[in-house]
Amino acid sequence: MPVQMDPFPEWLIFAGVISYLLVFLLTLIWDLDNPFGYYERYSGADVSLEPLRDTARRLAKIAAAEGPPV
């Protein structure tokens, strides 16, 4: 039961917008499912853990300099 739309260009634009929104929604869902590319070997969203390691080292040095709690 196809929908009859007389003005063909308007129907084409409407169908294009709906198709674009559906594709956008599917890609958004796919990205939200795996936001940082965790399971991908080489992902463009890889994040370095070096700043976290540097902070942990710096906090360990500060804790060692202060000595044990009183």
PDB file of N, CA and C in Angstrom:
ATOM      1  N   MET A   1       0.829  -1.152   0.000  1.00  0.00           N
ATOM      2  CA  MET A   1       0.000   0.000   0.000  1.00  0.00           C
ATOM      3  C   MET A   1       0.900   1.250   0.000  1.00  0.00           C
ATOM      4  N   PRO A   2       1.411   1.648  -1.141  1.00  0.00           N
ATOM      5  CA  PRO A   2       2.308   2.796  -1.224  1.00  0.00           C
ATOM      6  C   PRO A   2       1.558   4.101  -0.977  1.00  0.00           C
ATOM      7  N   VAL A   3       2.273   5.068  -0.473  1.00  0.00           N
ATOM      8  CA  VAL A   3       1.695   6.384  -0.208  1.00  0.00           C
ATOM      9  C   VAL A   3       1.754   7.196  -1.493  1.00  0.00           C
ATOM     10  N   GLN A   4       0.633   7.784  -1.871  1.00  0.00           N
ATOM     11  CA  GLN A   4       0.584   8.613  -3.070  1.00  0.00           C
ATOM     12  C   GLN A   4       0.890  10.059  -2.697  1.00  0.00           C
ATOM     13  N   MET A   5       1.982  10.572  -3.244  1.00  0.00           N
ATOM     14  CA  MET A   5       2.352  11.969  -3.038  1.00  0.00           C
ATOM     15  C   MET A   5       2.501  12.596  -4.406  1.00  0.00           C
ATOM     16  N   ASP A   6       1.640  13.537  -4.730  1.00  0.00           N
ATOM     17  CA  ASP A   6       1.652  14.141  -6.059  1.00  0.00           C
ATOM     18  C   ASP A   6       2.937  14.891  -6.383  1.00  0.00           C
ATOM     19  N   PRO A   7       3.373  15.831  -5.565  1.00  0.00           N
ATOM     20  CA  PRO A   7       4.589  16.562  -5.930  1.00  0.00           C
ATOM     21  C   PRO A   7       5.822  15.679  -5.686  1.00  0.00           C
ATOM     22  N   PHE A   8       6.363  15.148  -6.744  1.00  0.00           N
ATOM     23  CA  PHE A   8       7.489  14.214  -6.650  1.00  0.00           C
ATOM     24  C   PHE A   8       8.714  14.828  -5.977  1.00  0.00           C
ATOM     25  N   PRO A   9       9.131  16.071  -6.297  1.00  0.00           N
ATOM     26  CA  PRO A   9      10.319  16.635  -5.626  1.00  0.00           C
ATOM     27  C   PRO A   9      10.152  16.741  -4.112  1.00  0.00           C
ATOM     28  N   GLU A  10       8.979  17.116  -3.647  1.00  0.00           N
ATOM     29  CA  GLU A  10       8.750  17.194  -2.209  1.00  0.00           C
ATOM     30  C   GLU A  10       8.834  15.811  -1.578  1.00  0.00           C
ATOM     31  N   TRP A  11       8.306  14.815  -2.256  1.00  0.00           N
ATOM     32  CA  TRP A  11       8.367  13.441  -1.754  1.00  0.00           C
ATOM     33  C   TRP A  11       9.812  12.974  -1.697  1.00  0.00           C
ATOM     34  N   LEU A  12      10.591  13.333  -2.706  1.00  0.00           N
ATOM     35  CA  LEU A  12      11.993  12.930  -2.755  1.00  0.00           C
ATOM     36  C   LEU A  12      12.780  13.576  -1.616  1.00  0.00           C
ATOM     37  N   ILE A  13      12.557  14.841  -1.355  1.00  0.00           N
ATOM     38  CA  ILE A  13      13.241  15.533  -0.256  1.00  0.00           C
ATOM     39  C   ILE A  13      12.820  14.926   1.081  1.00  0.00           C
ATOM     40  N   PHE A  14      11.542  14.672   1.245  1.00  0.00           N
ATOM     41  CA  PHE A  14      11.043  14.076   2.483  1.00  0.00           C
ATOM     42  C   PHE A  14      11.678  12.699   2.717  1.00  0.00           C
ATOM     43  N   ALA A  15      11.708  11.872   1.691  1.00  0.00           N
ATOM     44  CA  ALA A  15      12.300  10.535   1.823  1.00  0.00           C
ATOM     45  C   ALA A  15      13.799  10.639   2.107  1.00  0.00           C
ATOM     46  N   GLY A  16      14.472  11.599   1.493  1.00  0.00           N
ATOM     47  CA  GLY A  16      15.908  11.788   1.729  1.00  0.00           C
ATOM     48  C   GLY A  16      16.208  12.211   3.153  1.00  0.00           C
ATOM     49  N   VAL A  17      15.410  13.115   3.685  1.00  0.00           N
ATOM     50  CA  VAL A  17      15.614  13.579   5.060  1.00  0.00           C
ATOM     51  C   VAL A  17      15.367  12.441   6.045  1.00  0.00           C
ATOM     52  N   ILE A  18      14.309  11.697   5.836  1.00  0.00           N
ATOM     53  CA  ILE A  18      14.013  10.559   6.723  1.00  0.00           C
ATOM     54  C   ILE A  18      15.125   9.516   6.642  1.00  0.00           C
ATOM     55  N   SER A  19      15.607   9.227   5.442  1.00  0.00           N
ATOM     56  CA  SER A  19      16.697   8.255   5.286  1.00  0.00           C
ATOM     57  C   SER A  19      17.961   8.731   5.975  1.00  0.00           C
ATOM     58  N   TYR A  20      18.292  10.014   5.812  1.00  0.00           N
ATOM     59  CA  TYR A  20      19.477  10.570   6.455  1.00  0.00           C
ATOM     60  C   TYR A  20      19.373  10.464   7.966  1.00  0.00           C
ATOM     61  N   LEU A  21      18.228  10.804   8.522  1.00  0.00           N
ATOM     62  CA  LEU A  21      18.052  10.734   9.971  1.00  0.00           C
ATOM     63  C   LEU A  21      18.164   9.307  10.489  1.00  0.00           C
ATOM     64  N   LEU A  22      17.626   8.352   9.751  1.00  0.00           N
ATOM     65  CA  LEU A  22      17.739   6.951  10.185  1.00  0.00           C
ATOM     66  C   LEU A  22      19.181   6.462  10.151  1.00  0.00           C
ATOM     67  N   VAL A  23      19.905   6.810   9.099  1.00  0.00           N
ATOM     68  CA  VAL A  23      21.318   6.412   9.016  1.00  0.00           C
ATOM     69  C   VAL A  23      22.115   7.091  10.124  1.00  0.00           C
ATOM     70  N   PHE A  24      21.858   8.376  10.375  1.00  0.00           N
ATOM     71  CA  PHE A  24      22.536   9.093  11.448  1.00  0.00           C
ATOM     72  C   PHE A  24      22.253   8.441  12.797  1.00  0.00           C
ATOM     73  N   LEU A  25      21.016   8.072  13.041  1.00  0.00           N
ATOM     74  CA  LEU A  25      20.651   7.437  14.299  1.00  0.00           C
ATOM     75  C   LEU A  25      21.352   6.094  14.470  1.00  0.00           C
ATOM     76  N   LEU A  26      21.419   5.304  13.411  1.00  0.00           N
ATOM     77  CA  LEU A  26      22.101   4.010  13.496  1.00  0.00           C
ATOM     78  C   LEU A  26      23.593   4.178  13.758  1.00  0.00           C
ATOM     79  N   THR A  27      24.238   5.136  13.103  1.00  0.00           N
ATOM     80  CA  THR A  27      25.670   5.346  13.349  1.00  0.00           C
ATOM     81  C   THR A  27      25.905   5.898  14.755  1.00  0.00           C
ATOM     82  N   LEU A  28      24.990   6.715  15.265  1.00  0.00           N
ATOM     83  CA  LEU A  28      25.112   7.217  16.626  1.00  0.00           C
ATOM     84  C   LEU A  28      25.004   6.078  17.629  1.00  0.00           C
ATOM     85  N   ILE A  29      24.064   5.181  17.421  1.00  0.00           N
ATOM     86  CA  ILE A  29      23.916   4.026  18.304  1.00  0.00           C
ATOM     87  C   ILE A  29      25.161   3.156  18.247  1.00  0.00           C
ATOM     88  N   TRP A  30      25.730   2.958  17.061  1.00  0.00           N
ATOM     89  CA  TRP A  30      26.934   2.141  16.928  1.00  0.00           C
ATOM     90  C   TRP A  30      28.098   2.791  17.668  1.00  0.00           C
ATOM     91  N   ASP A  31      28.216   4.101  17.578  1.00  0.00           N
ATOM     92  CA  ASP A  31      29.307   4.790  18.254  1.00  0.00           C
ATOM     93  C   ASP A  31      29.109   4.788  19.767  1.00  0.00           C
ATOM     94  N   LEU A  32      27.891   4.929  20.233  1.00  0.00           N
ATOM     95  CA  LEU A  32      27.638   4.891  21.674  1.00  0.00           C
ATOM     96  C   LEU A  32      27.873   3.501  22.249  1.00  0.00           C
ATOM     97  N   ASP A  33      27.713   2.495  21.425  1.00  0.00           N
ATOM     98  CA  ASP A  33      27.946   1.129  21.878  1.00  0.00           C
ATOM     99  C   ASP A  33      29.426   0.884  22.128  1.00  0.00           C
ATOM    100  N   ASN A  34      30.297   1.550  21.378  1.00  0.00           N
ATOM    101  CA  ASN A  34      31.733   1.360  21.491  1.00  0.00           C
ATOM    102  C   ASN A  34      32.418   2.720  21.343  1.00  0.00           C
ATOM    103  N   PRO A  35      32.298   3.611  22.359  1.00  0.00           N
ATOM    104  CA  PRO A  35      32.702   5.003  22.165  1.00  0.00           C
ATOM    105  C   PRO A  35      34.195   5.220  21.990  1.00  0.00           C
ATOM    106  N   PHE A  36      35.041   4.421  22.601  1.00  0.00           N
ATOM    107  CA  PHE A  36      36.474   4.646  22.506  1.00  0.00           C
ATOM    108  C   PHE A  36      37.169   3.610  21.643  1.00  0.00           C
ATOM    109  N   GLY A  37      36.422   2.830  20.877  1.00  0.00           N
ATOM    110  CA  GLY A  37      37.028   1.825  20.019  1.00  0.00           C
ATOM    111  C   GLY A  37      37.785   0.779  20.825  1.00  0.00           C
ATOM    112  N   TYR A  38      37.236   0.401  21.987  1.00  0.00           N
ATOM    113  CA  TYR A  38      37.954  -0.476  22.910  1.00  0.00           C
ATOM    114  C   TYR A  38      38.321  -1.818  22.280  1.00  0.00           C
ATOM    115  N   TYR A  39      37.426  -2.388  21.505  1.00  0.00           N
ATOM    116  CA  TYR A  39      37.679  -3.718  20.946  1.00  0.00           C
ATOM    117  C   TYR A  39      38.391  -3.671  19.600  1.00  0.00           C
ATOM    118  N   GLU A  40      38.596  -2.475  19.056  1.00  0.00           N
ATOM    119  CA  GLU A  40      39.278  -2.350  17.778  1.00  0.00           C
ATOM    120  C   GLU A  40      40.778  -2.268  18.018  1.00  0.00           C
ATOM    121  N   ARG A  41      41.533  -2.961  17.190  1.00  0.00           N
ATOM    122  CA  ARG A  41      42.978  -2.992  17.384  1.00  0.00           C
ATOM    123  C   ARG A  41      43.597  -1.606  17.200  1.00  0.00           C
ATOM    124  N   TYR A  42      43.284  -0.960  16.106  1.00  0.00           N
ATOM    125  CA  TYR A  42      43.805   0.383  15.840  1.00  0.00           C
ATOM    126  C   TYR A  42      42.626   1.321  15.639  1.00  0.00           C
ATOM    127  N   SER A  43      42.306   2.050  16.672  1.00  0.00           N
ATOM    128  CA  SER A  43      41.169   2.954  16.610  1.00  0.00           C
ATOM    129  C   SER A  43      41.664   4.391  16.614  1.00  0.00           C
ATOM    130  N   GLY A  44      40.932   5.268  15.956  1.00  0.00           N
ATOM    131  CA  GLY A  44      41.288   6.674  15.964  1.00  0.00           C
ATOM    132  C   GLY A  44      40.991   7.338  17.289  1.00  0.00           C
ATOM    133  N   ALA A  45      40.296   6.651  18.152  1.00  0.00           N
ATOM    134  CA  ALA A  45      39.910   7.220  19.442  1.00  0.00           C
ATOM    135  C   ALA A  45      40.761   6.685  20.582  1.00  0.00           C
ATOM    136  N   ASP A  46      41.939   6.145  20.271  1.00  0.00           N
ATOM    137  CA  ASP A  46      42.807   5.636  21.326  1.00  0.00           C
ATOM    138  C   ASP A  46      43.262   6.783  22.221  1.00  0.00           C
ATOM    139  N   VAL A  47      43.264   6.531  23.503  1.00  0.00           N
ATOM    140  CA  VAL A  47      43.654   7.537  24.475  1.00  0.00           C
ATOM    141  C   VAL A  47      44.876   7.029  25.216  1.00  0.00           C
ATOM    142  N   SER A  48      45.886   7.871  25.340  1.00  0.00           N
ATOM    143  CA  SER A  48      47.103   7.495  26.047  1.00  0.00           C
ATOM    144  C   SER A  48      46.859   7.506  27.549  1.00  0.00           C
ATOM    145  N   LEU A  49      47.402   6.514  28.237  1.00  0.00           N
ATOM    146  CA  LEU A  49      47.296   6.453  29.688  1.00  0.00           C
ATOM    147  C   LEU A  49      48.514   7.053  30.375  1.00  0.00           C
ATOM    148  N   GLU A  50      49.436   7.616  29.603  1.00  0.00           N
ATOM    149  CA  GLU A  50      50.657   8.185  30.163  1.00  0.00           C
ATOM    150  C   GLU A  50      50.383   9.320  31.155  1.00  0.00           C
ATOM    151  N   PRO A  51      49.459  10.248  30.905  1.00  0.00           N
ATOM    152  CA  PRO A  51      49.181  11.280  31.917  1.00  0.00           C
ATOM    153  C   PRO A  51      48.693  10.692  33.244  1.00  0.00           C
ATOM    154  N   LEU A  52      47.933   9.627  33.180  1.00  0.00           N
ATOM    155  CA  LEU A  52      47.469   8.974  34.404  1.00  0.00           C
ATOM    156  C   LEU A  52      48.640   8.361  35.155  1.00  0.00           C
ATOM    157  N   ARG A  53      49.547   7.723  34.440  1.00  0.00           N
ATOM    158  CA  ARG A  53      50.734   7.126  35.074  1.00  0.00           C
ATOM    159  C   ARG A  53      51.624   8.204  35.681  1.00  0.00           C
ATOM    160  N   ASP A  54      51.816   9.318  34.977  1.00  0.00           N
ATOM    161  CA  ASP A  54      52.626  10.423  35.501  1.00  0.00           C
ATOM    162  C   ASP A  54      52.025  10.983  36.789  1.00  0.00           C
ATOM    163  N   THR A  55      50.733  11.125  36.814  1.00  0.00           N
ATOM    164  CA  THR A  55      50.064  11.631  38.010  1.00  0.00           C
ATOM    165  C   THR A  55      50.226  10.665  39.175  1.00  0.00           C
ATOM    166  N   ALA A  56      50.106   9.375  38.913  1.00  0.00           N
ATOM    167  CA  ALA A  56      50.269   8.383  39.979  1.00  0.00           C
ATOM    168  C   ALA A  56      51.700   8.427  40.528  1.00  0.00           C
ATOM    169  N   ARG A  57      52.698   8.564  39.652  1.00  0.00           N
ATOM    170  CA  ARG A  57      54.091   8.663  40.106  1.00  0.00           C
ATOM    171  C   ARG A  57      54.312   9.926  40.947  1.00  0.00           C
ATOM    172  N   ARG A  58      53.768  11.053  40.486  1.00  0.00           N
ATOM    173  CA  ARG A  58      53.940  12.307  41.194  1.00  0.00           C
ATOM    174  C   ARG A  58      53.276  12.248  42.575  1.00  0.00           C
ATOM    175  N   LEU A  59      52.083  11.658  42.661  1.00  0.00           N
ATOM    176  CA  LEU A  59      51.413  11.525  43.952  1.00  0.00           C
ATOM    177  C   LEU A  59      52.161  10.570  44.884  1.00  0.00           C
ATOM    178  N   ALA A  60      52.764   9.526  44.319  1.00  0.00           N
ATOM    179  CA  ALA A  60      53.550   8.602  45.139  1.00  0.00           C
ATOM    180  C   ALA A  60      54.775   9.314  45.712  1.00  0.00           C
ATOM    181  N   LYS A  61      55.424  10.181  44.921  1.00  0.00           N
ATOM    182  CA  LYS A  61      56.580  10.936  45.418  1.00  0.00           C
ATOM    183  C   LYS A  61      56.165  11.889  46.533  1.00  0.00           C
ATOM    184  N   ILE A  62      55.029  12.559  46.355  1.00  0.00           N
ATOM    185  CA  ILE A  62      54.544  13.484  47.384  1.00  0.00           C
ATOM    186  C   ILE A  62      54.211  12.723  48.667  1.00  0.00           C
ATOM    187  N   ALA A  63      53.582  11.576  48.529  1.00  0.00           N
ATOM    188  CA  ALA A  63      53.222  10.778  49.703  1.00  0.00           C
ATOM    189  C   ALA A  63      54.475  10.266  50.412  1.00  0.00           C
ATOM    190  N   ALA A  64      55.501   9.879  49.660  1.00  0.00           N
ATOM    191  CA  ALA A  64      56.744   9.393  50.270  1.00  0.00           C
ATOM    192  C   ALA A  64      57.477  10.519  50.976  1.00  0.00           C
ATOM    193  N   ALA A  65      57.428  11.732  50.428  1.00  0.00           N
ATOM    194  CA  ALA A  65      58.123  12.870  51.043  1.00  0.00           C
ATOM    195  C   ALA A  65      57.458  13.299  52.334  1.00  0.00           C
ATOM    196  N   GLU A  66      56.161  13.156  52.443  1.00  0.00           N
ATOM    197  CA  GLU A  66      55.453  13.566  53.643  1.00  0.00           C
ATOM    198  C   GLU A  66      55.613  12.576  54.781  1.00  0.00           C
ATOM    199  N   GLY A  67      55.895  11.342  54.478  1.00  0.00           N
ATOM    200  CA  GLY A  67      56.079  10.337  55.513  1.00  0.00           C
ATOM    201  C   GLY A  67      54.746   9.718  55.911  1.00  0.00           C
ATOM    202  N   PRO A  68      54.816   8.813  56.881  1.00  0.00           N
ATOM    203  CA  PRO A  68      53.587   8.132  57.308  1.00  0.00           C
ATOM    204  C   PRO A  68      52.671   9.088  58.068  1.00  0.00           C
ATOM    205  N   PRO A  69      51.372   8.816  58.026  1.00  0.00           N
ATOM    206  CA  PRO A  69      50.423   9.680  58.743  1.00  0.00           C
ATOM    207  C   PRO A  69      50.600   9.542  60.249  1.00  0.00           C
ATOM    208  N   VAL A  70      50.323  10.586  60.947  1.00  0.00           N
ATOM    209  CA  VAL A  70      50.506  10.607  62.416  1.00  0.00           C
ATOM    210  C   VAL A  70      49.255  10.173  63.116  1.00  0.00           C
TER     211      VAL A  70
END
